[in-house]
Amino acid sequence: CVQGYFDFKEPGIGRDLSYMAVVGVAMFLVLLIKETRVLEGIFYRGKKAIEAPIAETEEEGGLMDSDVHAEKDRVRGMTLADIENHNLILKDMTKYYGKFLAVNQICVGVDAGSCFGLLGVNGAGKTSTFKMLTGDEMISRGEAWVRGISIKTDMKSVHQIIGYCPQFDALLDDLTGRETLYIFCLLRGIATHRMQGLSEHLAVELNFMQHIDKKVREYSGGNKRKLSTAVALIGNPSVVYLDEPTTGMDPGAKRHLWNIVCKQRDSGKSIILTSHSMEECEALCSRIAIMVNGEFKCLGSTQHLKNKFSKGYILVIQLKREFEDSISHLDDASGSSFGTAEDEIKGAAQRVKDYVMSHFSTAILREAYQGRITFYIPTTHLTWSAMFGLMETAKETLHIESYSLSQTSLEQVFLSFTKKQREEEEKKKNR
């Protein structure tokens, strides 16, 4: 008796085919459940009843920054129409990992045509926030909308109107830059006859056209960031998330990318940016939030934050060349030693110092070298116009070649806030 090929008994392969069919269907169902995030939704709905309570915020203790408080009130009071008129709204968005509170009730509204900067040290909650906004993590509590579409209930629709440049390039090394752009064009639903023109346009705009047909593994770190940014811009998304987009770029390439980001912002897109470069944030961001321990500690434009939290001014004076030699004899802030230099030279340098000390009573001499004198002015009651007026008068009479007067930098404001996070982390380690 000759057995058929598909018999269940050996040497037939019927049993193997049956196993393969059952396993194939089972794995397909597992993949379907995973992609649709059904189990995660059930898990989070069941978890709400046993989840740890929201930690006490500074709002309850009356210590919350007034701008952060005002933004919370504004967002919480929005109607559905108001939400639809903004490209991005976060309302009390919260994220737990077990009992650890990573993001605590953050609220912000981002208009079209603006760039919002999210700053914070490692562990502040920036990455968790981005993961929730892109659908990689579910929101534990609160809500978020992109152009009125809920991230919690309709992430599939949200994915169609957002672009994302991750912190670490999610690119396939064996593909060329052109092939990478083609794949994402297809995923975005771009017509095939438009793919070449769009891909080359993005490559030219972002200045990597000469590398577009090279494999990604041959790209430098900066060119990979350019390619990732190009991928984020495919499909004309309303909201673009850029997670440290200029990492690994030289200064010229950074400036070029900044111009592209500004161009996209001015076209009506909302840009959500994280960066460790304060210069980058000042150049691009309409508003900035500094995040510490999962909460916004301050919120506003770069100039507003410097006006509100800046701790003083920096005055740099450059003397004319014939008086440079006198500078080496300035000892310190109270400097009284001028060595044996000629009286005229000594007098010129001393008059500059006396003038600054008399008109800026809190001024402290920080540095004196090569004809350049730097003062730190912690506080002053004078307006900007009055301070510049005083220095213009001094420039004419005290042999000053040039001077600059500026607030302390945004980086110093940032460090003053992040210091709190480091202090709290040290306390936890010492417990």
Protein backbone atom coordinates (compact mmCIF):
# COMPACT_ATOMS: atom_id res chain seq x y z
CA CYS A 1 0.00 0.00 0.00
CA VAL A 2 1.49 3.32 -1.09
CA GLN A 3 0.94 6.20 1.34
CA GLY A 4 0.11 9.70 0.07
CA TYR A 5 2.42 12.65 0.51
CA PHE A 6 -0.05 14.37 2.84
CA ASP A 7 -0.67 11.46 5.20
CA PHE A 8 -0.28 12.18 8.92
CA LYS A 9 1.86 9.08 9.31
CA GLU A 10 5.49 9.11 8.24
CA PRO A 11 6.84 9.62 5.65
CA GLY A 12 3.79 11.83 4.90
CA ILE A 13 4.04 15.55 5.70
CA GLY A 14 0.41 16.16 6.62
CA ARG A 15 1.18 16.55 10.32
CA ASP A 16 3.94 19.11 9.64
CA LEU A 17 1.71 21.10 7.32
CA SER A 18 -1.05 21.14 9.95
CA TYR A 19 1.36 22.31 12.65
CA MET A 20 2.67 25.02 10.32
CA ALA A 21 -0.84 26.24 9.52
CA VAL A 22 -1.89 26.36 13.18
CA VAL A 23 1.31 28.12 14.27
CA GLY A 24 1.04 30.56 11.35
CA VAL A 25 -2.52 31.54 12.26
CA ALA A 26 -1.63 31.81 15.97
CA MET A 27 1.40 34.02 15.29
CA PHE A 28 -0.65 36.20 12.94
CA LEU A 29 -3.23 36.72 15.70
CA VAL A 30 -0.48 37.54 18.20
CA LEU A 31 0.97 40.10 15.76
CA LEU A 32 -2.48 41.56 15.13
CA ILE A 33 -3.16 41.94 18.85
CA LYS A 34 0.27 43.48 19.37
CA GLU A 35 -0.10 45.98 16.53
CA THR A 36 -3.61 47.04 17.55
CA ARG A 37 -2.47 47.32 21.21
CA VAL A 38 -5.65 45.62 22.44
CA LEU A 39 -3.99 43.99 25.44
CA GLU A 40 -2.28 47.22 26.48
CA GLY A 41 -5.62 49.02 26.47
CA ILE A 42 -7.20 46.31 28.64
CA PHE A 43 -4.16 46.30 30.93
CA TYR A 44 -4.24 50.07 31.48
CA ARG A 45 -7.99 50.17 32.04
CA GLY A 46 -7.66 47.46 34.67
CA LYS A 47 -4.62 49.09 36.20
CA LYS A 48 -6.30 52.44 36.91
CA ALA A 49 -8.05 51.06 39.97
CA ILE A 50 -4.81 49.91 41.62
CA GLU A 51 -2.43 52.54 40.28
CA ALA A 52 -0.55 54.70 42.76
CA PRO A 53 -2.12 58.12 43.33
CA ILE A 54 -0.76 61.15 41.55
CA ALA A 55 2.12 62.61 43.51
CA GLU A 56 1.55 65.93 45.21
CA THR A 57 2.59 68.69 42.85
CA GLU A 58 4.03 72.08 43.53
CA GLU A 59 0.66 73.53 42.52
CA GLU A 60 -0.85 72.26 45.76
CA GLY A 61 1.93 73.80 47.79
CA GLY A 62 1.64 77.13 46.00
CA LEU A 63 5.17 76.91 44.59
CA MET A 64 4.37 76.26 40.93
CA ASP A 65 5.71 78.84 38.49
CA SER A 66 3.04 81.35 37.50
CA ASP A 67 3.50 80.72 33.75
CA VAL A 68 3.16 76.94 34.17
CA HIS A 69 0.08 77.48 36.35
CA ALA A 70 -1.47 79.83 33.78
CA GLU A 71 -0.86 77.31 30.98
CA LYS A 72 -2.50 74.54 33.03
CA ASP A 73 -5.56 76.73 33.62
CA ARG A 74 -5.70 77.67 29.93
CA VAL A 75 -5.51 74.06 28.71
CA ARG A 76 -7.93 72.72 31.31
CA GLY A 77 -10.46 75.37 30.32
CA MET A 78 -10.35 74.62 26.58
CA THR A 79 -13.47 73.57 24.70
CA LEU A 80 -13.44 70.96 21.94
CA ALA A 81 -13.32 73.77 19.37
CA ASP A 82 -10.27 75.28 21.09
CA ILE A 83 -8.53 71.90 21.06
CA GLU A 84 -9.19 71.48 17.34
CA ASN A 85 -7.68 74.92 16.66
CA HIS A 86 -4.32 73.86 18.12
CA ASN A 87 -1.92 71.47 16.42
CA LEU A 88 -1.00 69.83 19.73
CA ILE A 89 -2.61 69.82 23.18
CA LEU A 90 -1.36 67.97 26.27
CA LYS A 91 -3.81 67.96 29.15
CA ASP A 92 -2.59 66.58 32.49
CA MET A 93 -0.56 63.96 30.60
CA THR A 94 0.94 61.49 33.09
CA LYS A 95 3.13 58.41 32.77
CA TYR A 96 3.80 55.68 35.34
CA TYR A 97 6.31 52.85 35.09
CA GLY A 98 5.04 50.61 37.86
CA LYS A 99 4.92 52.94 40.85
CA PHE A 100 7.53 55.30 39.41
CA LEU A 101 6.05 58.59 38.23
CA ALA A 102 8.00 59.61 35.11
CA VAL A 103 5.73 62.40 33.81
CA ASN A 104 3.43 64.29 36.14
CA GLN A 105 0.36 66.11 34.81
CA ILE A 106 2.01 68.25 32.14
CA CYS A 107 -0.19 70.71 30.24
CA VAL A 108 0.69 72.71 27.14
CA GLY A 109 -0.92 73.92 23.94
CA VAL A 110 1.15 74.35 20.77
CA ASP A 111 -0.18 76.55 17.96
CA ALA A 112 0.41 76.10 14.25
CA GLY A 113 3.54 77.86 13.03
CA SER A 114 5.42 77.58 16.31
CA CYS A 115 8.35 75.62 17.72
CA PHE A 116 8.13 74.28 21.26
CA GLY A 117 11.37 73.30 22.99
CA LEU A 118 11.46 70.63 25.68
CA LEU A 119 14.59 70.84 27.82
CA GLY A 120 15.80 68.69 30.68
CA VAL A 121 18.66 66.52 31.85
CA ASN A 122 18.61 62.73 31.49
CA GLY A 123 15.81 61.29 33.61
CA ALA A 124 13.70 64.46 33.52
CA GLY A 125 10.90 62.79 31.53
CA LYS A 126 11.57 64.07 27.99
CA THR A 127 11.93 60.63 26.42
CA SER A 128 8.80 59.32 28.15
CA THR A 129 6.88 62.35 26.89
CA PHE A 130 8.05 61.75 23.31
CA LYS A 131 7.20 58.05 23.54
CA MET A 132 3.63 58.88 24.57
CA LEU A 133 3.26 61.47 21.81
CA THR A 134 4.45 59.02 19.14
CA GLY A 135 2.41 56.07 20.44
CA ASP A 136 5.37 54.00 21.62
CA GLU A 137 4.02 54.17 25.19
CA MET A 138 0.45 54.51 26.39
CA ILE A 139 -0.63 57.53 28.43
CA SER A 140 -1.30 56.46 32.02
CA ARG A 141 -3.56 59.40 32.82
CA GLY A 142 -4.62 62.60 31.16
CA GLU A 143 -5.14 63.18 27.46
CA ALA A 144 -3.37 64.50 24.37
CA TRP A 145 -4.66 65.61 20.97
CA VAL A 146 -3.06 66.30 17.60
CA ARG A 147 -5.31 68.63 15.56
CA GLY A 148 -8.24 67.52 17.69
CA ILE A 149 -7.55 63.78 17.26
CA SER A 150 -7.04 61.89 20.51
CA ILE A 151 -3.71 60.12 20.93
CA LYS A 152 -5.29 57.71 23.42
CA THR A 153 -8.20 56.56 21.26
CA ASP A 154 -7.15 57.11 17.62
CA MET A 155 -3.38 56.81 17.36
CA LYS A 156 -3.69 55.33 13.87
CA SER A 157 -5.11 58.61 12.56
CA VAL A 158 -2.55 60.62 14.53
CA HIS A 159 0.31 58.71 12.87
CA GLN A 160 -0.87 60.05 9.50
CA ILE A 161 -0.31 63.68 10.51
CA ILE A 162 2.92 63.54 12.54
CA GLY A 163 6.58 63.16 11.64
CA TYR A 164 9.29 61.88 13.97
CA CYS A 165 13.07 62.14 13.96
CA PRO A 166 14.22 59.89 16.85
CA GLN A 167 17.27 60.55 18.98
CA PHE A 168 18.96 57.41 17.63
CA ASP A 169 18.62 56.97 13.87
CA ALA A 170 16.12 54.21 13.01
CA LEU A 171 17.58 53.52 9.56
CA LEU A 172 18.42 50.32 7.67
CA ASP A 173 22.15 50.19 6.91
CA ASP A 174 21.77 48.04 3.79
CA LEU A 175 19.47 50.52 2.01
CA THR A 176 20.58 53.64 0.18
CA GLY A 177 19.29 57.05 1.19
CA ARG A 178 17.05 57.10 -1.89
CA GLU A 179 15.59 53.66 -1.10
CA THR A 180 14.94 54.73 2.49
CA LEU A 181 13.02 57.80 1.33
CA TYR A 182 11.08 55.71 -1.23
CA ILE A 183 9.97 53.24 1.45
CA PHE A 184 8.67 55.99 3.71
CA CYS A 185 7.00 57.70 0.75
CA LEU A 186 5.10 54.46 0.09
CA LEU A 187 4.18 54.16 3.77
CA ARG A 188 2.88 57.73 3.66
CA GLY A 189 0.77 57.02 0.60
CA ILE A 190 2.79 59.22 -1.77
CA ALA A 191 2.03 58.44 -5.43
CA THR A 192 4.86 56.51 -7.10
CA HIS A 193 5.31 59.11 -9.85
CA ARG A 194 5.99 61.76 -7.18
CA MET A 195 8.49 59.79 -5.09
CA GLN A 196 11.62 60.63 -7.07
CA GLY A 197 10.92 64.36 -7.17
CA LEU A 198 10.00 64.53 -3.47
CA SER A 199 13.01 62.47 -2.36
CA GLU A 200 15.46 64.55 -4.37
CA HIS A 201 13.83 67.79 -3.20
CA LEU A 202 14.30 66.78 0.45
CA ALA A 203 17.88 65.65 -0.22
CA VAL A 204 18.71 68.99 -1.84
CA GLU A 205 16.98 70.98 0.92
CA LEU A 206 18.84 69.09 3.64
CA ASN A 207 22.12 69.09 1.72
CA PHE A 208 22.84 65.37 1.30
CA MET A 209 22.00 64.99 -2.39
CA GLN A 210 25.58 63.91 -3.18
CA HIS A 211 25.13 60.94 -0.82
CA ILE A 212 21.57 59.92 -1.69
CA ASP A 213 22.61 56.80 -3.63
CA LYS A 214 25.13 55.60 -1.05
CA LYS A 215 24.21 52.94 1.48
CA VAL A 216 23.22 54.28 4.88
CA ARG A 217 26.14 52.45 6.55
CA GLU A 218 28.48 54.76 4.61
CA TYR A 219 26.81 57.92 5.94
CA SER A 220 28.46 60.05 8.60
CA GLY A 221 26.58 60.71 11.82
CA GLY A 222 25.55 64.14 10.58
CA ASN A 223 24.22 62.83 7.26
CA LYS A 224 22.22 60.15 9.06
CA ARG A 225 20.56 62.93 11.10
CA LYS A 226 19.76 64.76 7.87
CA LEU A 227 18.21 61.61 6.39
CA SER A 228 16.18 61.00 9.56
CA THR A 229 14.93 64.59 9.42
CA ALA A 230 13.97 64.14 5.76
CA VAL A 231 11.98 61.01 6.69
CA ALA A 232 10.16 63.03 9.38
CA LEU A 233 9.13 65.65 6.81
CA ILE A 234 7.67 63.23 4.25
CA GLY A 235 3.92 63.59 3.81
CA ASN A 236 3.71 67.22 4.98
CA PRO A 237 2.85 66.38 8.63
CA SER A 238 1.15 68.97 10.83
CA VAL A 239 3.35 68.18 13.84
CA VAL A 240 7.04 67.21 13.63
CA TYR A 241 8.92 65.77 16.61
CA LEU A 242 12.68 66.36 16.44
CA ASP A 243 14.68 64.62 19.16
CA GLU A 244 18.13 66.26 19.17
CA PRO A 245 18.22 66.58 15.35
CA THR A 246 21.67 68.21 15.05
CA THR A 247 23.67 65.66 17.07
CA GLY A 248 26.93 64.90 15.26
CA MET A 249 26.69 67.81 12.82
CA ASP A 250 29.37 70.41 12.20
CA PRO A 251 28.47 74.08 12.86
CA GLY A 252 27.76 74.83 9.20
CA ALA A 253 25.42 71.85 8.83
CA LYS A 254 23.65 72.80 12.06
CA ARG A 255 22.97 76.30 10.79
CA HIS A 256 21.63 74.89 7.54
CA LEU A 257 19.28 72.53 9.37
CA TRP A 258 18.12 75.38 11.61
CA ASN A 259 17.13 77.30 8.48
CA ILE A 260 15.13 74.30 7.24
CA VAL A 261 13.38 73.92 10.60
CA CYS A 262 12.50 77.63 10.60
CA LYS A 263 11.16 77.30 7.07
CA GLN A 264 8.97 74.34 8.07
CA ARG A 265 7.78 76.18 11.17
CA ASP A 266 6.87 79.27 9.17
CA SER A 267 4.88 77.11 6.73
CA GLY A 268 2.39 76.36 9.52
CA LYS A 269 3.80 73.20 11.05
CA SER A 270 4.28 72.75 14.78
CA ILE A 271 7.80 71.64 15.71
CA ILE A 272 8.44 69.86 19.01
CA LEU A 273 12.16 69.97 19.71
CA THR A 274 14.47 68.51 22.32
CA SER A 275 18.08 69.59 22.37
CA HIS A 276 21.09 69.96 24.65
CA SER A 277 22.13 73.10 22.76
CA MET A 278 20.82 76.28 24.35
CA GLU A 279 21.93 78.19 21.27
CA GLU A 280 19.76 75.92 19.14
CA CYS A 281 16.72 76.49 21.34
CA GLU A 282 17.20 80.26 21.28
CA ALA A 283 17.47 80.19 17.48
CA LEU A 284 14.44 77.98 16.81
CA CYS A 285 11.94 77.91 19.67
CA SER A 286 8.95 80.19 20.10
CA ARG A 287 8.48 78.81 23.62
CA ILE A 288 10.53 76.58 25.91
CA ALA A 289 9.65 74.39 28.88
CA ILE A 290 12.34 73.21 31.31
CA MET A 291 11.42 69.80 32.69
CA VAL A 292 12.63 68.53 36.07
CA ASN A 293 11.47 65.25 37.66
CA GLY A 294 8.58 64.88 35.22
CA GLU A 295 7.17 68.40 35.68
CA PHE A 296 7.47 71.73 33.90
CA LYS A 297 9.37 74.15 36.12
CA CYS A 298 9.11 77.13 33.79
CA LEU A 299 7.48 77.94 30.47
CA GLY A 300 7.78 80.83 28.03
CA SER A 301 9.85 82.42 25.29
CA THR A 302 13.62 82.44 25.66
CA GLN A 303 13.67 86.18 26.31
CA HIS A 304 10.84 85.90 28.84
CA LEU A 305 12.69 83.18 30.76
CA LYS A 306 15.90 85.21 30.79
CA ASN A 307 14.04 88.30 31.97
CA LYS A 308 12.27 86.33 34.70
CA PHE A 309 15.01 84.01 35.94
CA SER A 310 18.23 85.62 34.80
CA LYS A 311 20.65 86.33 37.63
CA GLY A 312 22.41 89.43 36.45
CA TYR A 313 24.31 90.80 33.48
CA ILE A 314 27.72 90.38 31.88
CA LEU A 315 29.61 93.54 30.86
CA VAL A 316 32.69 93.08 28.65
CA ILE A 317 34.84 96.13 27.87
CA GLN A 318 37.64 96.22 25.29
CA LEU A 319 40.12 99.07 25.83
CA LYS A 320 41.88 100.77 22.98
CA ARG A 321 45.20 99.19 22.04
CA GLU A 322 47.45 101.76 23.66
CA PHE A 323 45.98 100.94 27.09
CA GLU A 324 46.08 97.13 26.94
CA ASP A 325 49.27 96.83 28.94
CA SER A 326 47.65 98.36 32.00
CA ILE A 327 45.19 95.49 32.31
CA SER A 328 47.74 93.00 33.52
CA HIS A 329 48.11 95.11 36.67
CA LEU A 330 44.48 94.79 37.77
CA ASP A 331 44.64 92.33 40.66
CA ASP A 332 41.02 91.63 41.60
CA ALA A 333 37.58 93.18 42.09
CA SER A 334 38.93 95.58 44.69
CA GLY A 335 42.13 95.96 42.66
CA SER A 336 44.48 98.56 43.97
CA SER A 337 47.78 97.36 42.50
CA PHE A 338 48.84 98.73 39.14
CA GLY A 339 52.53 97.91 39.31
CA THR A 340 54.90 100.48 37.92
CA ALA A 341 53.09 101.38 34.68
CA GLU A 342 53.02 104.96 33.58
CA ASP A 343 50.54 107.18 35.39
CA GLU A 344 48.52 107.96 32.28
CA ILE A 345 48.04 104.29 31.41
CA LYS A 346 47.23 103.39 35.00
CA GLY A 347 44.72 106.18 35.23
CA ALA A 348 42.87 105.13 32.07
CA ALA A 349 42.34 101.57 33.27
CA GLN A 350 41.42 102.70 36.77
CA ARG A 351 38.91 105.24 35.47
CA VAL A 352 37.11 102.51 33.53
CA LYS A 353 36.86 100.39 36.62
CA ASP A 354 35.80 103.28 38.86
CA TYR A 355 33.17 104.35 36.34
CA VAL A 356 31.63 100.88 36.23
CA MET A 357 31.74 100.49 40.01
CA SER A 358 30.13 103.89 40.59
CA HIS A 359 27.25 103.39 38.14
CA PHE A 360 26.75 99.65 38.73
CA SER A 361 27.18 99.38 42.48
CA THR A 362 27.01 95.57 42.58
CA ALA A 363 29.52 95.04 39.75
CA ILE A 364 32.24 92.44 40.32
CA LEU A 365 35.45 92.31 38.29
CA ARG A 366 35.65 88.78 36.87
CA GLU A 367 38.56 88.94 34.44
CA ALA A 368 41.13 91.35 33.05
CA TYR A 369 43.34 90.14 30.21
CA GLN A 370 44.74 91.44 26.93
CA GLY A 371 42.84 94.70 27.04
CA ARG A 372 39.57 92.98 27.82
CA ILE A 373 37.80 93.60 31.18
CA THR A 374 34.82 91.47 32.21
CA PHE A 375 32.39 92.48 34.95
CA TYR A 376 29.51 90.51 36.44
CA ILE A 377 26.57 92.65 37.59
CA PRO A 378 24.26 90.55 39.83
CA THR A 379 21.47 93.14 40.10
CA THR A 380 20.64 96.61 38.86
CA HIS A 381 17.61 98.87 38.94
CA LEU A 382 18.54 100.40 35.58
CA THR A 383 16.70 99.71 32.33
CA TRP A 384 18.48 98.41 29.25
CA SER A 385 18.37 101.84 27.62
CA ALA A 386 19.86 103.50 30.71
CA MET A 387 22.68 100.94 30.91
CA PHE A 388 23.56 101.35 27.25
CA GLY A 389 23.36 105.13 27.65
CA LEU A 390 25.90 105.03 30.47
CA MET A 391 28.26 102.85 28.45
CA GLU A 392 27.98 105.07 25.36
CA THR A 393 28.97 108.04 27.50
CA ALA A 394 31.92 106.08 28.91
CA LYS A 395 33.00 104.98 25.44
CA GLU A 396 33.56 108.58 24.39
CA THR A 397 35.51 109.64 27.48
CA LEU A 398 37.35 106.56 28.82
CA HIS A 399 39.26 105.24 25.79
CA ILE A 400 36.91 102.26 25.29
CA GLU A 401 37.17 100.65 21.88
CA SER A 402 34.06 98.45 22.22
CA TYR A 403 31.82 96.85 24.81
CA SER A 404 29.04 94.28 25.12
CA LEU A 405 26.27 94.09 27.70
CA SER A 406 24.14 90.96 27.95
CA GLN A 407 21.97 88.98 30.31
CA THR A 408 23.21 85.73 31.76
CA SER A 409 22.61 82.99 29.21
CA LEU A 410 19.67 80.63 28.86
CA GLU A 411 22.08 77.83 29.74
CA GLN A 412 22.61 79.34 33.19
CA VAL A 413 18.84 79.54 33.69
CA PHE A 414 18.60 75.88 32.62
CA LEU A 415 21.36 74.80 35.00
CA SER A 416 19.74 76.60 37.92
CA PHE A 417 16.59 74.49 37.45
CA THR A 418 18.28 71.17 36.75
CA LYS A 419 20.38 71.59 39.88
CA LYS A 420 17.22 70.73 41.84
CA GLN A 421 16.96 67.36 40.09
CA ARG A 422 20.58 66.51 40.85
CA GLU A 423 20.08 67.45 44.50
CA GLU A 424 17.00 65.24 44.80
CA GLU A 425 18.81 62.32 43.14
CA GLU A 426 21.68 62.70 45.62
CA LYS A 427 19.22 62.65 48.53
CA LYS A 428 17.67 59.41 47.24
CA LYS A 429 21.11 57.78 46.96
CA ASN A 430 22.00 58.77 50.51
CA ARG A 431 18.81 57.33 52.01
